[in-house]
């Protein structure tokens, strides 16, 4: 869906703005002259964001033997890309109203995709793993905002797809039916409004790419983005593993166009699936958003 068509379907003013603290942190993270001390001072203005950064920095995911007690040390340890992802995810938490099971499932899917994107990037050496983690974490920002804007309608969408244990294409079709647009389209609009990088916006927009779409699209080079391919595959991992959905969906991930373009063989993908599931089970509690 084109941006013009989408804007005609939704009032841009209804799309939540990024909180002021998060906006300032994003500015500093993108400023080559900023430092960890400056970023830490702004993070400290938001108690929940401070707690999240420290919680993640002290998780086994970062392999720190000693505890991290200051936000500045946490920023240095986890790096700017991860800080950026966590700041934006905390921003989405602010727009959730009375979060419950729906939001928990959406978050499970997002954090699972972040772990998967990190694993895929590490294995393929196509992208910095921390950048991939951020892209995986934010790929479904459109779903979170859809829920925040009209929770009853998104509950209706999720009931339909969860009861059928449906896959990605069915979710998109149900969103189009209920909202008139899909979450990748809305996510791309949010990425623009929040001034996220173009590479990240493309990953959000195209994380449901199919081989048919790749062949037909005049924007095929967009789908070839390393970030978009990694996030697309990371998203598929969640359906295969049953993370954020009712139960795993049986399909061969290695047959997808993203796996082919990333040159990943079936045996390697199977091992990566095992690694991601292990990481999710062990690390999920350290990344809880609700």
Protein backbone atom coordinates (compact mmCIF):
# COMPACT_ATOMS: atom_id res chain seq x y z
CA UNK A 1 0.00 0.00 0.00
CA UNK A 2 1.34 3.43 -0.93
CA UNK A 3 1.99 6.03 1.75
CA UNK A 4 -0.63 8.33 0.22
CA UNK A 5 -3.27 5.59 0.25
CA UNK A 6 -2.46 4.74 3.86
CA UNK A 7 -2.59 8.37 4.99
CA UNK A 8 -6.03 8.59 3.37
CA UNK A 9 -7.14 5.63 5.49
CA UNK A 10 -5.75 6.81 8.82
CA UNK A 11 -5.35 10.20 10.47
CA UNK A 12 -1.61 10.71 10.93
CA UNK A 13 -2.38 12.62 14.13
CA UNK A 14 -3.78 9.38 15.56
CA UNK A 15 -0.36 7.75 15.26
CA UNK A 16 1.28 8.17 18.68
CA UNK A 17 4.34 10.38 18.90
CA UNK A 18 7.51 9.14 20.51
CA UNK A 19 7.79 10.36 24.13
CA UNK A 20 10.03 13.42 24.58
CA UNK A 21 12.67 11.58 26.61
CA UNK A 22 12.91 8.87 23.96
CA UNK A 23 13.16 11.48 21.20
CA UNK A 24 16.11 13.12 22.95
CA UNK A 25 17.84 9.77 23.50
CA UNK A 26 17.39 8.87 19.84
CA UNK A 27 18.92 12.22 18.87
CA UNK A 28 21.94 11.60 21.08
CA UNK A 29 22.38 8.02 19.91
CA UNK A 30 22.50 9.29 16.33
CA UNK A 31 24.95 12.09 17.16
CA UNK A 32 28.58 11.00 16.64
CA UNK A 33 29.72 13.67 19.10
CA UNK A 34 27.56 12.41 21.99
CA UNK A 35 28.82 10.08 24.70
CA UNK A 36 27.46 7.44 27.06
CA UNK A 37 27.36 9.90 29.97
CA UNK A 38 25.03 12.27 28.09
CA UNK A 39 22.76 9.44 27.01
CA UNK A 40 22.65 8.01 30.53
CA UNK A 41 21.60 11.35 32.00
CA UNK A 42 18.59 11.53 29.68
CA UNK A 43 17.64 7.88 30.28
CA UNK A 44 17.71 8.59 34.03
CA UNK A 45 14.80 11.00 33.55
CA UNK A 46 12.53 8.03 32.89
CA UNK A 47 12.36 5.55 35.77
CA UNK A 48 10.90 2.66 33.80
CA UNK A 49 13.40 3.12 30.97
CA UNK A 50 16.26 3.20 33.48
CA UNK A 51 15.06 -0.03 35.05
CA UNK A 52 14.75 -1.70 31.66
CA UNK A 53 18.25 -0.74 30.49
CA UNK A 54 19.81 -1.97 33.74
CA UNK A 55 17.75 -5.17 33.71
CA UNK A 56 18.84 -6.03 30.18
CA UNK A 57 22.48 -5.10 30.79
CA UNK A 58 22.54 -7.51 33.75
CA UNK A 59 20.92 -10.35 31.81
CA UNK A 60 23.01 -13.41 30.87
CA UNK A 61 22.42 -12.47 27.23
CA UNK A 62 25.31 -10.00 27.52
CA UNK A 63 27.53 -12.40 29.43
CA UNK A 64 28.61 -9.93 32.12
CA UNK A 65 30.24 -11.67 35.11
CA UNK A 66 29.87 -8.62 37.39
CA UNK A 67 26.68 -6.68 37.95
CA UNK A 68 26.13 -3.41 36.12
CA UNK A 69 24.96 -0.74 38.56
CA UNK A 70 24.97 2.50 36.56
CA UNK A 71 23.06 3.47 33.43
CA UNK A 72 26.25 4.80 31.86
CA UNK A 73 27.97 1.41 32.28
CA UNK A 74 24.85 -0.27 30.89
CA UNK A 75 24.88 1.96 27.80
CA UNK A 76 28.56 1.14 27.18
CA UNK A 77 27.99 -2.59 27.68
CA UNK A 78 24.95 -3.16 25.50
CA UNK A 79 25.89 -0.58 22.87
CA UNK A 80 24.00 2.20 21.12
CA UNK A 81 21.99 -0.03 18.73
CA UNK A 82 20.54 -2.06 21.60
CA UNK A 83 19.89 1.09 23.63
CA UNK A 84 17.99 2.48 20.65
CA UNK A 85 15.83 -0.64 20.39
CA UNK A 86 15.07 -0.74 24.10
CA UNK A 87 14.22 2.95 24.19
CA UNK A 88 11.77 2.56 21.33
CA UNK A 89 10.26 -0.58 22.86
CA UNK A 90 9.82 1.29 26.14
CA UNK A 91 8.10 4.03 24.16
CA UNK A 92 5.60 1.51 22.84
CA UNK A 93 4.97 0.39 26.41
CA UNK A 94 3.89 3.95 27.20
CA UNK A 95 1.20 3.86 24.52
CA UNK A 96 -0.27 0.56 25.70
CA UNK A 97 -3.45 0.97 27.71
CA UNK A 98 -4.05 -1.64 30.41
CA UNK A 99 -1.74 -4.19 28.77
CA UNK A 100 -2.82 -7.80 29.10
CA UNK A 101 -2.51 -11.14 27.32
CA UNK A 102 -2.68 -9.63 23.82
CA UNK A 103 0.21 -7.26 24.50
CA UNK A 104 2.20 -10.03 26.21
CA UNK A 105 1.86 -12.22 23.11
CA UNK A 106 2.87 -9.37 20.82
CA UNK A 107 5.91 -8.70 23.00
CA UNK A 108 6.88 -12.39 23.09
CA UNK A 109 6.81 -12.39 19.31
CA UNK A 110 8.89 -9.22 19.10
CA UNK A 111 11.57 -10.24 21.60
CA UNK A 112 11.71 -13.70 20.02
CA UNK A 113 12.28 -12.06 16.63
CA UNK A 114 15.01 -9.90 18.17
CA UNK A 115 16.85 -12.98 19.47
CA UNK A 116 16.38 -14.69 16.10
CA UNK A 117 17.63 -11.69 14.12
CA UNK A 118 20.69 -11.51 16.39
CA UNK A 119 21.36 -15.22 15.82
CA UNK A 120 20.91 -14.97 12.04
CA UNK A 121 23.13 -11.89 11.77
CA UNK A 122 25.81 -13.54 13.89
CA UNK A 123 25.71 -16.74 11.83
CA UNK A 124 25.67 -15.09 8.40
CA UNK A 125 27.89 -12.10 9.22
CA UNK A 126 25.62 -10.02 6.98
CA UNK A 127 24.77 -7.39 9.61
CA UNK A 128 25.93 -6.23 13.03
CA UNK A 129 24.04 -8.53 15.48
CA UNK A 130 23.05 -5.61 17.73
CA UNK A 131 21.59 -3.73 14.77
CA UNK A 132 19.72 -6.88 13.80
CA UNK A 133 18.44 -7.27 17.37
CA UNK A 134 16.97 -3.77 17.24
CA UNK A 135 15.33 -4.38 13.87
CA UNK A 136 13.81 -7.65 15.09
CA UNK A 137 12.54 -5.99 18.23
CA UNK A 138 10.78 -3.24 16.28
CA UNK A 139 9.58 -5.08 13.19
CA UNK A 140 5.99 -5.41 14.49
CA UNK A 141 5.63 -1.88 15.87
CA UNK A 142 2.58 -1.54 13.63
CA UNK A 143 0.76 -4.33 15.49
CA UNK A 144 1.46 -2.71 18.85
CA UNK A 145 0.10 0.63 17.69
CA UNK A 146 -2.92 -1.00 16.05
CA UNK A 147 -3.73 -2.53 19.41
CA UNK A 148 -3.19 0.76 21.24
CA UNK A 149 -5.35 2.72 18.79
CA UNK A 150 -8.25 0.27 18.78
CA UNK A 151 -7.76 -2.64 21.13
CA UNK A 152 -11.18 -4.21 20.59
CA UNK A 153 -10.61 -4.40 16.85
CA UNK A 154 -7.15 -5.91 17.22
CA UNK A 155 -8.42 -8.45 19.73
CA UNK A 156 -10.88 -9.45 17.01
CA UNK A 157 -8.05 -9.86 14.53
CA UNK A 158 -5.97 -11.94 16.93
CA UNK A 159 -8.87 -14.17 17.93
CA UNK A 160 -9.47 -15.04 14.30
CA UNK A 161 -5.86 -15.89 13.53
CA UNK A 162 -5.10 -17.55 16.88
CA UNK A 163 -8.15 -19.80 16.77
CA UNK A 164 -7.12 -20.91 13.29
CA UNK A 165 -3.44 -21.04 14.27
CA UNK A 166 -2.93 -19.01 11.12
CA UNK A 167 0.34 -17.86 9.63
CA UNK A 168 1.65 -14.45 8.56
CA UNK A 169 -0.35 -14.11 5.35
CA UNK A 170 -3.63 -14.75 7.17
CA UNK A 171 -2.77 -12.12 9.78
CA UNK A 172 -2.18 -9.53 7.06
CA UNK A 173 -5.45 -10.48 5.34
CA UNK A 174 -7.44 -10.19 8.56
CA UNK A 175 -5.87 -6.80 9.36
CA UNK A 176 -6.78 -5.54 5.90
CA UNK A 177 -10.32 -6.80 6.44
CA UNK A 178 -10.76 -5.14 9.85
CA UNK A 179 -8.62 -1.99 9.50
CA UNK A 180 -8.27 -1.44 5.77
CA UNK A 181 -4.47 -1.66 6.02
CA UNK A 182 -1.84 -4.00 7.45
CA UNK A 183 0.69 -3.63 10.25
CA UNK A 184 3.78 -3.40 7.97
CA UNK A 185 2.19 -0.42 6.21
CA UNK A 186 1.35 1.30 9.49
CA UNK A 187 4.75 0.36 10.91
CA UNK A 188 6.48 2.08 8.01
CA UNK A 189 4.45 5.23 8.64
CA UNK A 190 5.36 5.13 12.35
CA UNK A 191 9.05 4.68 11.49
CA UNK A 192 8.87 7.84 9.38
CA UNK A 193 7.02 9.82 12.04
CA UNK A 194 9.50 8.69 14.70
CA UNK A 195 12.42 9.47 12.35
CA UNK A 196 13.91 6.01 12.47
CA UNK A 197 16.58 5.07 9.94
CA UNK A 198 15.53 4.27 6.39
CA UNK A 199 17.10 0.80 6.69
CA UNK A 200 14.94 0.10 9.74
CA UNK A 201 11.85 1.48 8.03
CA UNK A 202 12.43 -0.84 5.07
CA UNK A 203 12.78 -3.85 7.40
CA UNK A 204 9.50 -2.92 9.10
CA UNK A 205 7.76 -2.41 5.76
CA UNK A 206 8.99 -5.59 4.07
CA UNK A 207 9.34 -8.21 6.80
CA UNK A 208 6.54 -10.28 5.22
CA UNK A 209 8.16 -10.49 1.78
CA UNK A 210 7.30 -13.56 -0.31
CA UNK A 211 8.99 -14.90 -3.43
CA UNK A 212 5.97 -13.88 -5.53
CA UNK A 213 6.10 -10.33 -4.17
CA UNK A 214 9.83 -10.20 -4.76
CA UNK A 215 9.41 -11.12 -8.42
CA UNK A 216 6.49 -8.76 -9.02
CA UNK A 217 7.60 -5.69 -7.08
CA UNK A 218 9.15 -2.67 -8.73
CA UNK A 219 10.92 -2.16 -5.39
CA UNK A 220 12.70 -5.52 -5.44
CA UNK A 221 15.95 -3.93 -4.31
CA UNK A 222 14.21 -2.99 -1.04
CA UNK A 223 13.54 -6.64 -0.32
CA UNK A 224 17.18 -7.40 -0.95
CA UNK A 225 18.20 -5.26 2.02
CA UNK A 226 20.26 -7.38 4.42
CA UNK A 227 18.27 -6.06 7.38
CA UNK A 228 14.92 -6.77 5.71
CA UNK A 229 15.92 -10.33 4.79
CA UNK A 230 17.23 -11.10 8.28
CA UNK A 231 14.12 -9.67 9.96
CA UNK A 232 11.87 -11.53 7.52
CA UNK A 233 13.55 -14.81 8.42
CA UNK A 234 13.55 -13.96 12.14
CA UNK A 235 9.82 -13.33 11.92
CA UNK A 236 9.29 -16.74 10.29
CA UNK A 237 11.30 -18.38 13.06
CA UNK A 238 8.64 -17.26 15.56
CA UNK A 239 5.84 -19.01 13.68
CA UNK A 240 7.91 -22.16 13.30
CA UNK A 241 8.76 -22.11 17.02
CA UNK A 242 5.29 -21.05 18.19
CA UNK A 243 6.51 -17.92 19.98
CA UNK A 244 3.70 -15.41 20.46
CA UNK A 245 1.14 -17.75 18.87
CA UNK A 246 -0.96 -20.66 20.08
CA UNK A 247 1.33 -23.43 18.82
CA UNK A 248 4.15 -23.93 16.30
CA UNK A 249 3.25 -24.00 12.61
CA UNK A 250 4.86 -26.81 10.63
CA UNK A 251 6.65 -25.55 7.52
CA UNK A 252 10.15 -25.65 6.06
CA UNK A 253 11.76 -22.29 6.82
CA UNK A 254 14.70 -23.11 4.55
CA UNK A 255 12.41 -23.03 1.50
CA UNK A 256 11.56 -19.35 1.98
CA UNK A 257 13.13 -16.82 -0.38
CA UNK A 258 14.81 -15.02 2.54
CA UNK A 259 16.69 -18.18 3.54
CA UNK A 260 17.72 -18.73 -0.08
CA UNK A 261 19.02 -15.18 -0.49
CA UNK A 262 20.91 -15.43 2.81
CA UNK A 263 22.40 -18.74 1.59
CA UNK A 264 21.27 -20.72 4.62
CA UNK A 265 21.00 -24.50 4.30
CA UNK A 266 18.30 -26.59 6.08
CA UNK A 267 20.69 -28.12 8.60
CA UNK A 268 22.04 -24.75 9.62
CA UNK A 269 18.57 -23.27 9.94
CA UNK A 270 17.43 -26.16 12.13
CA UNK A 271 20.36 -25.55 14.48
CA UNK A 272 19.60 -21.83 14.56
CA UNK A 273 15.97 -22.57 15.44
CA UNK A 274 17.16 -24.64 18.39
CA UNK A 275 19.52 -21.86 19.48
CA UNK A 276 16.78 -19.21 19.29
CA UNK A 277 14.31 -21.31 21.26
CA UNK A 278 16.92 -21.96 23.95
CA UNK A 279 17.80 -18.26 24.13
CA UNK A 280 14.14 -17.23 24.31
CA UNK A 281 13.35 -19.71 27.09
CA UNK A 282 16.39 -18.68 29.11
CA UNK A 283 16.36 -14.93 28.51
CA UNK A 284 12.69 -13.97 28.19
CA UNK A 285 12.30 -13.09 31.87
CA UNK A 286 15.10 -10.54 31.61
CA UNK A 287 13.35 -8.70 28.77
CA UNK A 288 9.77 -8.63 30.06
CA UNK A 289 7.83 -5.51 29.07
CA UNK A 290 4.59 -6.21 30.95
